[in-house]
Amino acid sequence: ALVVQNSALFVITRYTRSEVKGHLYLSSVVVLLIELAKMGVCLLLLLREARWRPCVLLSNLYSNLWEQRSTTLLLAVPATCYAIQNNLIFVALSHLSAAAAQVLYQLKSLSTAFFTVVLLHRSFSPVQWLSFVLLTGGVILVQSQDAKSSSSPTGASPLLGVCAALAAATLSGFAGVFLEKMFTSGSTSLWMRNVQLALFA
């Protein structure tokens, strides 16, 4: 399911970015709607955890969002990164083929490894670093033929698309590691963390 979702994201988004008829939708509105939908789902799951008692849910929200507001404010960092990253993916897909954008975005595995070392102070052996490079190289080799056969959009700026995809990959790696650091340092549920993140949308 994860493979299908990740693959379909770029293909479907690229398809919707091609101006066939009418005006192109605003990518920032899409990002906002996704965050609001995510918040709605997480609030529903938190309500279920509260045994369908709204008073308990409101009490938990007050405790986690307001009483621990320093933690909530700290989550503005990854929330901002994700918002920018999601908008950059739309920019990349507006200037590159879906395959080329996806190939470049796979470099997030390298940025994640780099930020894991910097922020979490974990170390990787030379063999593990080589595996990161080989993984990225393998993805590029497998999809390069597809990227060559897919034409860039008319009037596109490939350089802008490449820069957007690389920036999105870097932000994804940083935000993911930053969140992992926050998840491991507290006992707050995943659903509550997602509500905190969505607040900054």
N, C-alpha and C. Protein backbone atom coordinates (compact mmCIF):
# COMPACT_ATOMS: atom_id res chain seq x y z
N ALA A 1 0.83 -1.21 0.00
CA ALA A 1 0.00 0.00 0.00
C ALA A 1 0.86 1.26 0.00
N LEU A 2 1.96 1.22 0.77
CA LEU A 2 2.86 2.38 0.83
C LEU A 2 3.55 2.61 -0.51
N VAL A 3 3.97 1.53 -1.17
CA VAL A 3 4.61 1.66 -2.50
C VAL A 3 3.63 2.24 -3.50
N VAL A 4 2.39 1.73 -3.50
CA VAL A 4 1.36 2.24 -4.42
C VAL A 4 1.08 3.71 -4.14
N GLN A 5 0.96 4.06 -2.86
CA GLN A 5 0.67 5.45 -2.48
C GLN A 5 1.78 6.39 -2.93
N ASN A 6 3.04 6.01 -2.65
CA ASN A 6 4.17 6.87 -3.02
C ASN A 6 4.32 7.02 -4.53
N SER A 7 4.08 5.94 -5.25
CA SER A 7 4.18 5.99 -6.71
C SER A 7 3.04 6.80 -7.31
N ALA A 8 1.84 6.55 -6.80
CA ALA A 8 0.66 7.22 -7.35
C ALA A 8 0.68 8.71 -7.07
N LEU A 9 1.29 9.11 -5.94
CA LEU A 9 1.33 10.53 -5.58
C LEU A 9 1.90 11.38 -6.69
N PHE A 10 3.05 10.98 -7.22
CA PHE A 10 3.72 11.77 -8.25
C PHE A 10 2.98 11.69 -9.59
N VAL A 11 2.52 10.50 -9.94
CA VAL A 11 1.86 10.33 -11.24
C VAL A 11 0.54 11.11 -11.28
N ILE A 12 -0.27 10.94 -10.24
CA ILE A 12 -1.58 11.61 -10.22
C ILE A 12 -1.42 13.12 -10.09
N THR A 13 -0.49 13.55 -9.22
CA THR A 13 -0.27 14.98 -9.06
C THR A 13 0.22 15.60 -10.36
N ARG A 14 1.12 14.91 -11.05
CA ARG A 14 1.62 15.44 -12.33
C ARG A 14 0.49 15.54 -13.35
N TYR A 15 -0.37 14.54 -13.35
CA TYR A 15 -1.50 14.54 -14.27
C TYR A 15 -2.42 15.73 -13.99
N THR A 16 -2.66 15.99 -12.70
CA THR A 16 -3.56 17.10 -12.36
C THR A 16 -2.92 18.46 -12.58
N ARG A 17 -1.59 18.50 -12.71
CA ARG A 17 -0.91 19.78 -12.94
C ARG A 17 -0.85 20.13 -14.42
N SER A 18 -1.25 19.23 -15.28
CA SER A 18 -1.22 19.54 -16.71
C SER A 18 -2.48 20.34 -17.04
N GLU A 19 -2.26 21.51 -17.60
CA GLU A 19 -3.38 22.40 -17.91
C GLU A 19 -4.05 21.95 -19.20
N VAL A 20 -5.08 21.17 -19.06
CA VAL A 20 -5.84 20.74 -20.23
C VAL A 20 -6.95 21.75 -20.52
N LYS A 21 -7.76 22.03 -19.52
CA LYS A 21 -8.84 23.00 -19.67
C LYS A 21 -8.93 23.84 -18.40
N GLY A 22 -9.29 25.06 -18.56
CA GLY A 22 -9.56 25.91 -17.41
C GLY A 22 -8.32 26.33 -16.66
N HIS A 23 -8.54 26.80 -15.44
CA HIS A 23 -7.46 27.31 -14.61
C HIS A 23 -6.83 26.20 -13.78
N LEU A 24 -5.56 26.38 -13.47
CA LEU A 24 -4.83 25.43 -12.63
C LEU A 24 -5.17 25.71 -11.17
N TYR A 25 -5.42 24.67 -10.40
CA TYR A 25 -5.74 24.87 -8.99
C TYR A 25 -4.51 25.35 -8.21
N LEU A 26 -4.76 25.95 -7.05
CA LEU A 26 -3.68 26.44 -6.20
C LEU A 26 -3.14 25.29 -5.34
N SER A 27 -1.85 25.04 -5.46
CA SER A 27 -1.25 23.95 -4.69
C SER A 27 -1.30 24.23 -3.19
N SER A 28 -1.21 25.50 -2.79
CA SER A 28 -1.26 25.84 -1.37
C SER A 28 -2.60 25.47 -0.75
N VAL A 29 -3.67 25.56 -1.54
CA VAL A 29 -5.00 25.18 -1.04
C VAL A 29 -5.06 23.66 -0.84
N VAL A 30 -4.46 22.92 -1.76
CA VAL A 30 -4.42 21.45 -1.63
C VAL A 30 -3.68 21.06 -0.35
N VAL A 31 -2.52 21.69 -0.11
CA VAL A 31 -1.74 21.39 1.09
C VAL A 31 -2.54 21.71 2.34
N LEU A 32 -3.25 22.84 2.34
CA LEU A 32 -4.08 23.21 3.49
C LEU A 32 -5.20 22.18 3.71
N LEU A 33 -5.88 21.79 2.64
CA LEU A 33 -6.97 20.82 2.77
C LEU A 33 -6.48 19.46 3.28
N ILE A 34 -5.29 19.06 2.83
CA ILE A 34 -4.71 17.79 3.31
C ILE A 34 -4.46 17.87 4.81
N GLU A 35 -3.90 18.99 5.27
CA GLU A 35 -3.62 19.15 6.70
C GLU A 35 -4.92 19.18 7.52
N LEU A 36 -5.93 19.85 7.00
CA LEU A 36 -7.21 19.90 7.72
C LEU A 36 -7.86 18.51 7.79
N ALA A 37 -7.77 17.75 6.69
CA ALA A 37 -8.31 16.39 6.69
C ALA A 37 -7.54 15.51 7.68
N LYS A 38 -6.21 15.67 7.69
CA LYS A 38 -5.39 14.90 8.63
C LYS A 38 -5.76 15.24 10.07
N MET A 39 -5.98 16.54 10.34
CA MET A 39 -6.36 16.95 11.68
C MET A 39 -7.71 16.34 12.06
N GLY A 40 -8.66 16.34 11.13
CA GLY A 40 -9.98 15.77 11.40
C GLY A 40 -9.90 14.28 11.75
N VAL A 41 -9.10 13.54 11.00
CA VAL A 41 -8.94 12.10 11.26
C VAL A 41 -8.29 11.88 12.63
N CYS A 42 -7.26 12.67 12.92
CA CYS A 42 -6.56 12.51 14.20
C CYS A 42 -7.45 12.88 15.38
N LEU A 43 -8.25 13.93 15.22
CA LEU A 43 -9.19 14.30 16.28
C LEU A 43 -10.22 13.19 16.52
N LEU A 44 -10.65 12.56 15.45
CA LEU A 44 -11.60 11.45 15.57
C LEU A 44 -10.94 10.28 16.32
N LEU A 45 -9.69 9.98 16.01
CA LEU A 45 -8.99 8.89 16.70
C LEU A 45 -8.73 9.24 18.16
N LEU A 46 -8.45 10.52 18.44
CA LEU A 46 -8.27 10.95 19.83
C LEU A 46 -9.60 10.86 20.61
N LEU A 47 -10.69 11.15 19.92
CA LEU A 47 -12.01 11.03 20.55
C LEU A 47 -12.30 9.57 20.87
N ARG A 48 -11.90 8.67 19.98
CA ARG A 48 -12.08 7.24 20.25
C ARG A 48 -11.24 6.81 21.46
N GLU A 49 -9.98 7.34 21.53
CA GLU A 49 -9.14 7.02 22.69
C GLU A 49 -9.75 7.54 23.98
N ALA A 50 -10.51 8.65 23.88
CA ALA A 50 -11.18 9.24 25.05
C ALA A 50 -12.53 8.58 25.32
N ARG A 51 -12.75 7.43 24.67
CA ARG A 51 -13.98 6.65 24.82
C ARG A 51 -15.22 7.47 24.46
N TRP A 52 -15.09 8.25 23.40
CA TRP A 52 -16.17 9.04 22.81
C TRP A 52 -16.74 10.07 23.78
N ARG A 53 -15.90 10.54 24.71
CA ARG A 53 -16.32 11.59 25.64
C ARG A 53 -15.66 12.90 25.24
N PRO A 54 -16.41 13.84 24.66
CA PRO A 54 -15.83 15.11 24.20
C PRO A 54 -15.13 15.90 25.29
N CYS A 55 -15.63 15.82 26.53
CA CYS A 55 -15.00 16.57 27.63
C CYS A 55 -13.57 16.07 27.89
N VAL A 56 -13.38 14.76 27.81
CA VAL A 56 -12.05 14.19 28.01
C VAL A 56 -11.13 14.61 26.86
N LEU A 57 -11.66 14.59 25.65
CA LEU A 57 -10.88 15.03 24.48
C LEU A 57 -10.46 16.48 24.63
N LEU A 58 -11.39 17.35 25.01
CA LEU A 58 -11.06 18.77 25.17
C LEU A 58 -10.03 18.98 26.27
N SER A 59 -10.15 18.21 27.34
CA SER A 59 -9.17 18.30 28.43
C SER A 59 -7.78 17.87 27.96
N ASN A 60 -7.72 16.78 27.17
CA ASN A 60 -6.44 16.31 26.62
C ASN A 60 -5.85 17.34 25.66
N LEU A 61 -6.71 17.92 24.82
CA LEU A 61 -6.24 18.94 23.88
C LEU A 61 -5.70 20.16 24.62
N TYR A 62 -6.41 20.60 25.65
CA TYR A 62 -5.95 21.75 26.43
C TYR A 62 -4.60 21.46 27.07
N SER A 63 -4.48 20.25 27.64
CA SER A 63 -3.23 19.87 28.30
C SER A 63 -2.06 19.82 27.33
N ASN A 64 -2.28 19.20 26.17
CA ASN A 64 -1.17 19.01 25.22
C ASN A 64 -0.88 20.23 24.36
N LEU A 65 -1.92 20.99 24.03
CA LEU A 65 -1.72 22.12 23.14
C LEU A 65 -1.39 23.41 23.88
N TRP A 66 -2.02 23.63 25.02
CA TRP A 66 -1.82 24.90 25.71
C TRP A 66 -0.86 24.79 26.88
N GLU A 67 -1.09 23.82 27.78
CA GLU A 67 -0.22 23.71 28.95
C GLU A 67 1.20 23.31 28.55
N GLN A 68 1.34 22.56 27.48
CA GLN A 68 2.66 22.20 26.96
C GLN A 68 2.95 22.97 25.68
N ARG A 69 2.65 24.27 25.69
CA ARG A 69 2.76 25.07 24.47
C ARG A 69 4.19 25.23 23.97
N SER A 70 5.17 25.08 24.86
CA SER A 70 6.56 25.16 24.37
C SER A 70 6.86 24.01 23.41
N THR A 71 6.32 22.83 23.72
CA THR A 71 6.49 21.68 22.82
C THR A 71 5.70 21.90 21.53
N THR A 72 4.47 22.41 21.68
CA THR A 72 3.64 22.68 20.51
C THR A 72 4.32 23.68 19.59
N LEU A 73 4.89 24.73 20.17
CA LEU A 73 5.59 25.75 19.36
C LEU A 73 6.82 25.16 18.68
N LEU A 74 7.47 24.22 19.35
CA LEU A 74 8.65 23.58 18.76
C LEU A 74 8.27 22.79 17.50
N LEU A 75 7.04 22.27 17.48
CA LEU A 75 6.57 21.51 16.31
C LEU A 75 6.30 22.41 15.11
N ALA A 76 6.38 23.72 15.30
CA ALA A 76 6.26 24.64 14.15
C ALA A 76 7.40 24.42 13.17
N VAL A 77 8.55 23.97 13.66
CA VAL A 77 9.71 23.75 12.78
C VAL A 77 9.41 22.66 11.74
N PRO A 78 9.08 21.40 12.16
CA PRO A 78 8.78 20.40 11.13
C PRO A 78 7.50 20.71 10.35
N ALA A 79 6.52 21.34 11.00
CA ALA A 79 5.27 21.68 10.29
C ALA A 79 5.56 22.63 9.14
N THR A 80 6.40 23.63 9.39
CA THR A 80 6.78 24.57 8.34
C THR A 80 7.55 23.86 7.23
N CYS A 81 8.46 22.97 7.64
CA CYS A 81 9.24 22.20 6.64
C CYS A 81 8.32 21.37 5.76
N TYR A 82 7.33 20.70 6.37
CA TYR A 82 6.42 19.87 5.59
C TYR A 82 5.54 20.70 4.67
N ALA A 83 5.09 21.88 5.16
CA ALA A 83 4.26 22.74 4.31
C ALA A 83 5.05 23.22 3.09
N ILE A 84 6.29 23.64 3.32
CA ILE A 84 7.14 24.09 2.20
C ILE A 84 7.44 22.92 1.28
N GLN A 85 7.77 21.76 1.86
CA GLN A 85 8.10 20.57 1.07
C GLN A 85 6.94 20.17 0.17
N ASN A 86 5.73 20.15 0.71
CA ASN A 86 4.56 19.76 -0.08
C ASN A 86 4.32 20.73 -1.23
N ASN A 87 4.54 22.02 -0.99
CA ASN A 87 4.39 23.00 -2.07
C ASN A 87 5.51 22.86 -3.10
N LEU A 88 6.71 22.53 -2.64
CA LEU A 88 7.84 22.34 -3.56
C LEU A 88 7.63 21.14 -4.48
N ILE A 89 6.97 20.10 -3.97
CA ILE A 89 6.67 18.94 -4.82
C ILE A 89 5.77 19.35 -5.98
N PHE A 90 4.80 20.22 -5.70
CA PHE A 90 3.94 20.72 -6.78
C PHE A 90 4.74 21.53 -7.79
N VAL A 91 5.69 22.34 -7.30
CA VAL A 91 6.55 23.12 -8.20
C VAL A 91 7.38 22.17 -9.06
N ALA A 92 7.97 21.16 -8.43
CA ALA A 92 8.80 20.20 -9.17
C ALA A 92 7.98 19.49 -10.24
N LEU A 93 6.78 19.08 -9.89
CA LEU A 93 5.94 18.35 -10.85
C LEU A 93 5.38 19.26 -11.95
N SER A 94 5.39 20.56 -11.72
CA SER A 94 4.95 21.49 -12.75
C SER A 94 6.05 21.74 -13.78
N HIS A 95 7.30 21.39 -13.43
CA HIS A 95 8.43 21.67 -14.31
C HIS A 95 9.20 20.43 -14.74
N LEU A 96 8.85 19.27 -14.20
CA LEU A 96 9.52 18.01 -14.55
C LEU A 96 8.47 16.95 -14.84
N SER A 97 8.90 15.87 -15.47
CA SER A 97 8.00 14.72 -15.62
C SER A 97 7.84 14.06 -14.26
N ALA A 98 6.80 13.28 -14.11
CA ALA A 98 6.55 12.61 -12.82
C ALA A 98 7.71 11.70 -12.45
N ALA A 99 8.27 10.99 -13.43
CA ALA A 99 9.37 10.06 -13.15
C ALA A 99 10.62 10.81 -12.71
N ALA A 100 10.95 11.90 -13.40
CA ALA A 100 12.15 12.67 -13.05
C ALA A 100 12.02 13.27 -11.66
N ALA A 101 10.85 13.80 -11.33
CA ALA A 101 10.64 14.38 -10.00
C ALA A 101 10.75 13.32 -8.92
N GLN A 102 10.20 12.14 -9.19
CA GLN A 102 10.26 11.07 -8.20
C GLN A 102 11.68 10.58 -8.00
N VAL A 103 12.46 10.49 -9.08
CA VAL A 103 13.85 10.07 -8.99
C VAL A 103 14.63 11.02 -8.09
N LEU A 104 14.48 12.31 -8.32
CA LEU A 104 15.20 13.30 -7.53
C LEU A 104 14.74 13.30 -6.08
N TYR A 105 13.45 13.09 -5.87
CA TYR A 105 12.92 13.10 -4.51
C TYR A 105 13.43 11.92 -3.69
N GLN A 106 13.88 10.85 -4.35
CA GLN A 106 14.41 9.69 -3.63
C GLN A 106 15.69 10.02 -2.88
N LEU A 107 16.31 11.15 -3.19
CA LEU A 107 17.51 11.56 -2.46
C LEU A 107 17.20 11.91 -1.00
N LYS A 108 15.93 11.86 -0.63
CA LYS A 108 15.58 12.12 0.77
C LYS A 108 16.18 11.05 1.69
N SER A 109 16.45 9.86 1.16
CA SER A 109 17.07 8.83 2.01
C SER A 109 18.47 9.27 2.45
N LEU A 110 19.19 9.94 1.56
CA LEU A 110 20.51 10.45 1.93
C LEU A 110 20.41 11.62 2.91
N SER A 111 19.45 12.52 2.68
CA SER A 111 19.31 13.65 3.60
C SER A 111 18.84 13.17 4.98
N THR A 112 18.00 12.15 5.01
CA THR A 112 17.56 11.58 6.28
C THR A 112 18.73 10.99 7.04
N ALA A 113 19.59 10.26 6.34
CA ALA A 113 20.78 9.68 6.98
C ALA A 113 21.69 10.79 7.52
N PHE A 114 21.88 11.84 6.74
CA PHE A 114 22.73 12.95 7.17
C PHE A 114 22.18 13.61 8.43
N PHE A 115 20.88 13.92 8.45
CA PHE A 115 20.30 14.57 9.63
C PHE A 115 20.18 13.63 10.82
N THR A 116 20.12 12.33 10.58
CA THR A 116 20.14 11.36 11.68
C THR A 116 21.47 11.44 12.42
N VAL A 117 22.55 11.60 11.67
CA VAL A 117 23.87 11.74 12.28
C VAL A 117 23.97 13.07 13.03
N VAL A 118 23.50 14.15 12.39
CA VAL A 118 23.65 15.49 12.97
C VAL A 118 22.74 15.71 14.18
N LEU A 119 21.45 15.34 14.07
CA LEU A 119 20.49 15.64 15.14
C LEU A 119 20.37 14.54 16.20
N LEU A 120 20.46 13.29 15.78
CA LEU A 120 20.28 12.18 16.73
C LEU A 120 21.60 11.58 17.19
N HIS A 121 22.69 12.07 16.62
CA HIS A 121 24.05 11.62 16.98
C HIS A 121 24.23 10.12 16.82
N ARG A 122 23.56 9.57 15.81
CA ARG A 122 23.77 8.16 15.50
C ARG A 122 24.88 8.05 14.48
N SER A 123 25.52 6.93 14.46
CA SER A 123 26.59 6.75 13.48
C SER A 123 26.24 5.59 12.55
N PHE A 124 26.70 5.70 11.33
CA PHE A 124 26.52 4.65 10.34
C PHE A 124 27.89 4.15 9.92
N SER A 125 27.97 2.87 9.67
CA SER A 125 29.24 2.30 9.21
C SER A 125 29.45 2.68 7.75
N PRO A 126 30.69 2.60 7.25
CA PRO A 126 30.92 2.89 5.84
C PRO A 126 30.06 2.02 4.90
N VAL A 127 29.80 0.77 5.31
CA VAL A 127 28.97 -0.11 4.49
C VAL A 127 27.53 0.43 4.43
N GLN A 128 27.04 0.96 5.56
CA GLN A 128 25.69 1.53 5.57
C GLN A 128 25.62 2.78 4.69
N TRP A 129 26.65 3.64 4.76
CA TRP A 129 26.68 4.83 3.90
C TRP A 129 26.71 4.41 2.44
N LEU A 130 27.48 3.38 2.14
CA LEU A 130 27.53 2.88 0.77
C LEU A 130 26.17 2.35 0.33
N SER A 131 25.46 1.71 1.27
CA SER A 131 24.13 1.20 0.93
C SER A 131 23.17 2.34 0.62
N PHE A 132 23.28 3.47 1.35
CA PHE A 132 22.43 4.63 1.05
C PHE A 132 22.70 5.14 -0.36
N VAL A 133 23.97 5.23 -0.71
CA VAL A 133 24.35 5.73 -2.04
C VAL A 133 23.88 4.74 -3.11
N LEU A 134 24.08 3.44 -2.87
CA LEU A 134 23.67 2.42 -3.84
C LEU A 134 22.15 2.39 -3.99
N LEU A 135 21.43 2.56 -2.88
CA LEU A 135 19.98 2.60 -2.94
C LEU A 135 19.51 3.75 -3.83
N THR A 136 20.09 4.93 -3.60
CA THR A 136 19.73 6.09 -4.41
C THR A 136 20.12 5.87 -5.86
N GLY A 137 21.33 5.34 -6.08
CA GLY A 137 21.77 5.06 -7.45
C GLY A 137 20.90 4.04 -8.14
N GLY A 138 20.47 3.02 -7.39
CA GLY A 138 19.60 2.00 -7.97
C GLY A 138 18.26 2.56 -8.40
N VAL A 139 17.69 3.42 -7.56
CA VAL A 139 16.40 4.04 -7.91
C VAL A 139 16.56 4.89 -9.16
N ILE A 140 17.66 5.64 -9.23
CA ILE A 140 17.91 6.49 -10.40
C ILE A 140 18.09 5.64 -11.65
N LEU A 141 18.84 4.55 -11.55
CA LEU A 141 19.06 3.68 -12.72
C LEU A 141 17.76 3.03 -13.19
N VAL A 142 16.97 2.56 -12.23
CA VAL A 142 15.73 1.88 -12.60
C VAL A 142 14.76 2.83 -13.29
N GLN A 143 14.70 4.07 -12.80
CA GLN A 143 13.72 5.00 -13.32
C GLN A 143 14.27 5.96 -14.38
N SER A 144 15.57 5.89 -14.64
CA SER A 144 16.16 6.86 -15.58
C SER A 144 15.60 6.70 -16.99
N GLN A 145 15.38 5.46 -17.41
CA GLN A 145 14.83 5.23 -18.75
C GLN A 145 13.42 5.82 -18.85
N ASP A 146 12.66 5.65 -17.77
CA ASP A 146 11.32 6.20 -17.74
C ASP A 146 11.37 7.73 -17.75
N ALA A 147 12.35 8.27 -17.01
CA ALA A 147 12.49 9.73 -16.96
C ALA A 147 12.88 10.28 -18.32
N LYS A 148 13.72 9.56 -19.07
CA LYS A 148 14.13 10.01 -20.40
C LYS A 148 12.96 9.99 -21.38
N SER A 149 12.12 8.98 -21.24
CA SER A 149 11.02 8.84 -22.19
C SER A 149 9.87 9.78 -21.88
N SER A 150 9.84 10.32 -20.64
CA SER A 150 8.75 11.23 -20.26
C SER A 150 9.17 12.65 -20.57
N SER A 151 8.36 13.35 -21.32
CA SER A 151 8.71 14.70 -21.69
C SER A 151 8.35 15.68 -20.58
N SER A 152 9.15 16.74 -20.49
CA SER A 152 8.86 17.79 -19.52
C SER A 152 7.66 18.59 -19.99
N PRO A 153 6.95 19.22 -19.09
CA PRO A 153 5.79 20.01 -19.47
C PRO A 153 6.18 21.17 -20.38
N THR A 154 5.27 21.60 -21.23
CA THR A 154 5.51 22.71 -22.13
C THR A 154 5.71 23.99 -21.33
N GLY A 155 6.72 24.77 -21.70
CA GLY A 155 7.01 26.03 -21.03
C GLY A 155 7.58 25.86 -19.64
N ALA A 156 8.11 24.68 -19.35
CA ALA A 156 8.64 24.40 -18.01
C ALA A 156 10.09 24.84 -17.90
N SER A 157 10.52 25.00 -16.67
CA SER A 157 11.92 25.30 -16.37
C SER A 157 12.50 24.11 -15.61
N PRO A 158 13.20 23.20 -16.32
CA PRO A 158 13.73 22.00 -15.66
C PRO A 158 14.65 22.32 -14.47
N LEU A 159 15.44 23.41 -14.58
CA LEU A 159 16.34 23.76 -13.48
C LEU A 159 15.54 24.10 -12.22
N LEU A 160 14.45 24.84 -12.38
CA LEU A 160 13.59 25.17 -11.24
C LEU A 160 12.99 23.89 -10.66
N GLY A 161 12.57 22.96 -11.53
CA GLY A 161 12.01 21.69 -11.07
C GLY A 161 13.01 20.87 -10.28
N VAL A 162 14.25 20.81 -10.78
CA VAL A 162 15.31 20.06 -10.08
C VAL A 162 15.58 20.67 -8.72
N CYS A 163 15.72 22.00 -8.66
CA CYS A 163 15.98 22.68 -7.39
C CYS A 163 14.83 22.44 -6.40
N ALA A 164 13.59 22.50 -6.89
CA ALA A 164 12.44 22.28 -6.01
C ALA A 164 12.42 20.85 -5.48
N ALA A 165 12.71 19.86 -6.33
CA ALA A 165 12.71 18.46 -5.90
C ALA A 165 13.81 18.20 -4.88
N LEU A 166 15.00 18.76 -5.11
CA LEU A 166 16.12 18.56 -4.18
C LEU A 166 15.85 19.25 -2.84
N ALA A 167 15.27 20.45 -2.90
CA ALA A 167 14.93 21.16 -1.65
C ALA A 167 13.86 20.39 -0.88
N ALA A 168 12.87 19.84 -1.59
CA ALA A 168 11.82 19.05 -0.94
C ALA A 168 12.42 17.81 -0.27
N ALA A 169 13.36 17.16 -0.95
CA ALA A 169 14.00 15.96 -0.38
C ALA A 169 14.78 16.31 0.87
N THR A 170 15.48 17.45 0.85
CA THR A 170 16.26 17.87 2.02
C THR A 170 15.34 18.21 3.19
N LEU A 171 14.28 18.96 2.92
CA LEU A 171 13.32 19.31 3.98
C LEU A 171 12.64 18.08 4.56
N SER A 172 12.34 17.11 3.70
CA SER A 172 11.71 15.88 4.15
C SER A 172 12.61 15.13 5.13
N GLY A 173 13.89 15.02 4.77
CA GLY A 173 14.85 14.35 5.65
C GLY A 173 14.99 15.04 6.99
N PHE A 174 15.10 16.37 6.95
CA PHE A 174 15.26 17.13 8.20
C PHE A 174 14.02 17.02 9.08
N ALA A 175 12.84 17.24 8.50
CA ALA A 175 11.60 17.22 9.28
C ALA A 175 11.34 15.84 9.87
N GLY A 176 11.62 14.79 9.10
CA GLY A 176 11.41 13.43 9.60
C GLY A 176 12.27 13.11 10.80
N VAL A 177 13.54 13.50 10.73
CA VAL A 177 14.46 13.23 11.84
C VAL A 177 14.12 14.10 13.05
N PHE A 178 13.76 15.36 12.79
CA PHE A 178 13.37 16.26 13.88
C PHE A 178 12.16 15.69 14.63
N LEU A 179 11.17 15.18 13.87
CA LEU A 179 9.99 14.58 14.50
C LEU A 179 10.34 13.32 15.27
N GLU A 180 11.24 12.51 14.72
CA GLU A 180 11.65 11.30 15.43
C GLU A 180 12.27 11.66 16.77
N LYS A 181 13.07 12.72 16.77
CA LYS A 181 13.68 13.17 18.03
C LYS A 181 12.62 13.57 19.02
N MET A 182 11.57 14.26 18.56
CA MET A 182 10.50 14.67 19.46
C MET A 182 9.65 13.49 19.92
N PHE A 183 9.40 12.52 19.03
CA PHE A 183 8.59 11.36 19.39
C PHE A 183 9.29 10.52 20.46
N THR A 184 10.60 10.39 20.36
CA THR A 184 11.33 9.55 21.31
C THR A 184 11.56 10.25 22.65
N SER A 185 11.37 11.59 22.68
CA SER A 185 11.65 12.32 23.92
C SER A 185 10.40 12.54 24.77
N GLY A 186 9.26 12.07 24.34
CA GLY A 186 8.03 12.28 25.12
C GLY A 186 7.09 11.10 25.00
N SER A 187 5.97 11.19 25.75
CA SER A 187 5.00 10.10 25.76
C SER A 187 3.70 10.49 25.07
N THR A 188 3.69 11.63 24.38
CA THR A 188 2.49 12.09 23.70
C THR A 188 2.17 11.15 22.54
N SER A 189 0.88 10.88 22.33
CA SER A 189 0.48 9.94 21.28
C SER A 189 0.75 10.52 19.88
N LEU A 190 0.87 9.63 18.94
CA LEU A 190 1.11 10.01 17.55
C LEU A 190 -0.01 10.89 17.02
N TRP A 191 -1.25 10.59 17.42
CA TRP A 191 -2.40 11.36 16.93
C TRP A 191 -2.36 12.79 17.46
N MET A 192 -1.98 12.95 18.72
CA MET A 192 -1.89 14.29 19.30
C MET A 192 -0.77 15.08 18.64
N ARG A 193 0.35 14.42 18.35
CA ARG A 193 1.46 15.09 17.66
C ARG A 193 1.00 15.59 16.28
N ASN A 194 0.19 14.78 15.60
CA ASN A 194 -0.29 15.20 14.28
C ASN A 194 -1.25 16.38 14.37
N VAL A 195 -2.05 16.43 15.44
CA VAL A 195 -2.92 17.59 15.65
C VAL A 195 -2.06 18.83 15.89
N GLN A 196 -1.02 18.67 16.72
CA GLN A 196 -0.10 19.79 16.97
C GLN A 196 0.54 20.28 15.67
N LEU A 197 0.94 19.34 14.83
CA LEU A 197 1.55 19.71 13.55
C LEU A 197 0.56 20.43 12.66
N ALA A 198 -0.66 19.91 12.60
CA ALA A 198 -1.67 20.48 11.70
C ALA A 198 -2.11 21.87 12.12
N LEU A 199 -1.92 22.22 13.40
CA LEU A 199 -2.29 23.55 13.86
C LEU A 199 -1.58 24.65 13.08
N PHE A 200 -0.37 24.37 12.62
CA PHE A 200 0.44 25.39 11.93
C PHE A 200 0.14 25.47 10.45
N ALA A 201 -0.79 24.65 9.97
CA ALA A 201 -1.13 24.66 8.55
C ALA A 201 -1.73 26.01 8.16
